[in-house]
Amino acid sequence: MAFDVKRKQGESFDGMFRRFQRRVQQGGLIKEIRRRKVRDDIPNKNLVKFKKVRGMKIATKRAWLIKTGKATEQDFRRKRRR
């Protein structure tokens, strides 16, 4: 998107800059840039699978520790920060 703003005769730079800013906002360029800045990248399939397998391993180990009595449910709860 190109925003062509030419300075009118007798117009100050600030006035021209305000017109330019208004056109940019109305054109949606600022929203688009902000949206792209925070967009998460799509992870690849192998990374997703690896994370799922890792979570399953942690869950089974946690269940085993609770079942054998070496840990309680309270040990795995996150503590709140104050």
C-alpha atoms as a PDB file:
ATOM      1  CA  MET A   1       0.000   0.000   0.000  1.00  0.00           C
ATOM      2  CA  ALA A   2       1.445   3.306  -1.044  1.00  0.00           C
ATOM      3  CA  PHE A   3       0.164   6.501   0.476  1.00  0.00           C
ATOM      4  CA  ASP A   4       1.015   9.445  -1.754  1.00  0.00           C
ATOM      5  CA  VAL A   5       0.579  12.730   0.088  1.00  0.00           C
ATOM      6  CA  LYS A   6       1.760  15.898  -1.606  1.00  0.00           C
ATOM      7  CA  ARG A   7       2.244  19.144   0.207  1.00  0.00           C
ATOM      8  CA  LYS A   8      -0.431  21.682  -0.604  1.00  0.00           C
ATOM      9  CA  GLN A   9       0.488  25.279  -1.276  1.00  0.00           C
ATOM     10  CA  GLY A  10       0.890  27.175   1.996  1.00  0.00           C
ATOM     11  CA  GLU A  11       0.506  24.011   4.087  1.00  0.00           C
ATOM     12  CA  SER A  12       2.888  23.404   6.962  1.00  0.00           C
ATOM     13  CA  PHE A  13       4.835  20.197   7.312  1.00  0.00           C
ATOM     14  CA  ASP A  14       2.853  19.299  10.428  1.00  0.00           C
ATOM     15  CA  GLY A  15      -0.435  19.616   8.546  1.00  0.00           C
ATOM     16  CA  MET A  16       0.821  17.423   5.732  1.00  0.00           C
ATOM     17  CA  PHE A  17       2.156  14.882   8.212  1.00  0.00           C
ATOM     18  CA  ARG A  18      -1.231  14.766   9.991  1.00  0.00           C
ATOM     19  CA  ARG A  19      -2.952  14.060   6.671  1.00  0.00           C
ATOM     20  CA  PHE A  20      -0.447  11.303   5.974  1.00  0.00           C
ATOM     21  CA  GLN A  21      -0.986   9.733   9.401  1.00  0.00           C
ATOM     22  CA  ARG A  22      -4.752   9.839   8.938  1.00  0.00           C
ATOM     23  CA  ARG A  23      -4.506   8.080   5.561  1.00  0.00           C
ATOM     24  CA  VAL A  24      -2.253   5.412   6.984  1.00  0.00           C
ATOM     25  CA  GLN A  25      -4.677   4.734   9.835  1.00  0.00           C
ATOM     26  CA  GLN A  26      -7.705   4.691   7.569  1.00  0.00           C
ATOM     27  CA  GLY A  27      -5.933   2.356   5.183  1.00  0.00           C
ATOM     28  CA  GLY A  28      -5.401  -0.179   7.998  1.00  0.00           C
ATOM     29  CA  LEU A  29      -1.635  -0.319   7.647  1.00  0.00           C
ATOM     30  CA  ILE A  30      -0.964   0.166  11.359  1.00  0.00           C
ATOM     31  CA  LYS A  31      -3.348  -2.669  12.303  1.00  0.00           C
ATOM     32  CA  GLU A  32      -1.753  -4.968   9.756  1.00  0.00           C
ATOM     33  CA  ILE A  33       1.769  -4.267  11.011  1.00  0.00           C
ATOM     34  CA  ARG A  34       0.778  -4.832  14.643  1.00  0.00           C
ATOM     35  CA  ARG A  35      -1.005  -8.052  13.730  1.00  0.00           C
ATOM     36  CA  ARG A  36       2.021  -9.376  11.868  1.00  0.00           C
ATOM     37  CA  LYS A  37       4.371  -8.405  14.676  1.00  0.00           C
ATOM     38  CA  VAL A  38       2.690 -10.671  17.239  1.00  0.00           C
ATOM     39  CA  ARG A  39       1.684 -13.508  14.918  1.00  0.00           C
ATOM     40  CA  ASP A  40       2.981 -16.868  16.034  1.00  0.00           C
ATOM     41  CA  ASP A  41       4.818 -18.989  13.556  1.00  0.00           C
ATOM     42  CA  ILE A  42       3.232 -22.311  12.673  1.00  0.00           C
ATOM     43  CA  PRO A  43       5.311 -25.074  14.277  1.00  0.00           C
ATOM     44  CA  ASN A  44       6.345 -28.002  12.146  1.00  0.00           C
ATOM     45  CA  LYS A  45       4.692 -31.395  12.618  1.00  0.00           C
ATOM     46  CA  ASN A  46       7.731 -33.065  14.164  1.00  0.00           C
ATOM     47  CA  LEU A  47       7.989 -30.388  16.845  1.00  0.00           C
ATOM     48  CA  VAL A  48       4.294 -30.748  17.709  1.00  0.00           C
ATOM     49  CA  LYS A  49       4.653 -34.536  17.961  1.00  0.00           C
ATOM     50  CA  PHE A  50       7.768 -34.199  20.107  1.00  0.00           C
ATOM     51  CA  LYS A  51       5.964 -31.881  22.532  1.00  0.00           C
ATOM     52  CA  LYS A  52       2.984 -34.243  22.785  1.00  0.00           C
ATOM     53  CA  VAL A  53       5.205 -37.250  23.486  1.00  0.00           C
ATOM     54  CA  ARG A  54       7.154 -35.282  26.079  1.00  0.00           C
ATOM     55  CA  GLY A  55       3.922 -34.252  27.807  1.00  0.00           C
ATOM     56  CA  MET A  56       2.714 -37.840  27.863  1.00  0.00           C
ATOM     57  CA  LYS A  57       5.999 -39.002  29.414  1.00  0.00           C
ATOM     58  CA  ILE A  58       5.784 -36.351  32.103  1.00  0.00           C
ATOM     59  CA  ALA A  59       2.162 -37.256  32.834  1.00  0.00           C
ATOM     60  CA  THR A  60       2.938 -40.961  33.196  1.00  0.00           C
ATOM     61  CA  LYS A  61       5.915 -40.252  35.444  1.00  0.00           C
ATOM     62  CA  ARG A  62       3.793 -37.935  37.580  1.00  0.00           C
ATOM     63  CA  ALA A  63       1.057 -40.581  37.859  1.00  0.00           C
ATOM     64  CA  TRP A  64       3.633 -43.222  38.838  1.00  0.00           C
ATOM     65  CA  LEU A  65       5.127 -40.976  41.541  1.00  0.00           C
ATOM     66  CA  ILE A  66       1.680 -40.303  43.001  1.00  0.00           C
ATOM     67  CA  LYS A  67       0.712 -43.990  42.828  1.00  0.00           C
ATOM     68  CA  THR A  68       3.881 -45.133  44.604  1.00  0.00           C
ATOM     69  CA  GLY A  69       3.491 -42.457  47.260  1.00  0.00           C
ATOM     70  CA  LYS A  70       6.742 -40.650  46.488  1.00  0.00           C
ATOM     71  CA  ALA A  71       4.862 -37.466  45.647  1.00  0.00           C
ATOM     72  CA  THR A  72       1.448 -35.958  46.234  1.00  0.00           C
ATOM     73  CA  GLU A  73      -0.879 -33.999  44.006  1.00  0.00           C
ATOM     74  CA  GLN A  74       0.125 -30.848  45.889  1.00  0.00           C
ATOM     75  CA  ASP A  75       3.756 -31.251  44.796  1.00  0.00           C
ATOM     76  CA  PHE A  76       2.832 -30.696  41.166  1.00  0.00           C
ATOM     77  CA  ARG A  77       0.602 -27.686  41.580  1.00  0.00           C
ATOM     78  CA  ARG A  78       2.159 -24.396  40.631  1.00  0.00           C
ATOM     79  CA  LYS A  79       2.741 -22.047  43.499  1.00  0.00           C
ATOM     80  CA  ARG A  80       1.374 -18.551  43.149  1.00  0.00           C
ATOM     81  CA  ARG A  81       3.811 -15.695  43.140  1.00  0.00           C
ATOM     82  CA  ARG A  82       3.041 -12.735  45.304  1.00  0.00           C
END
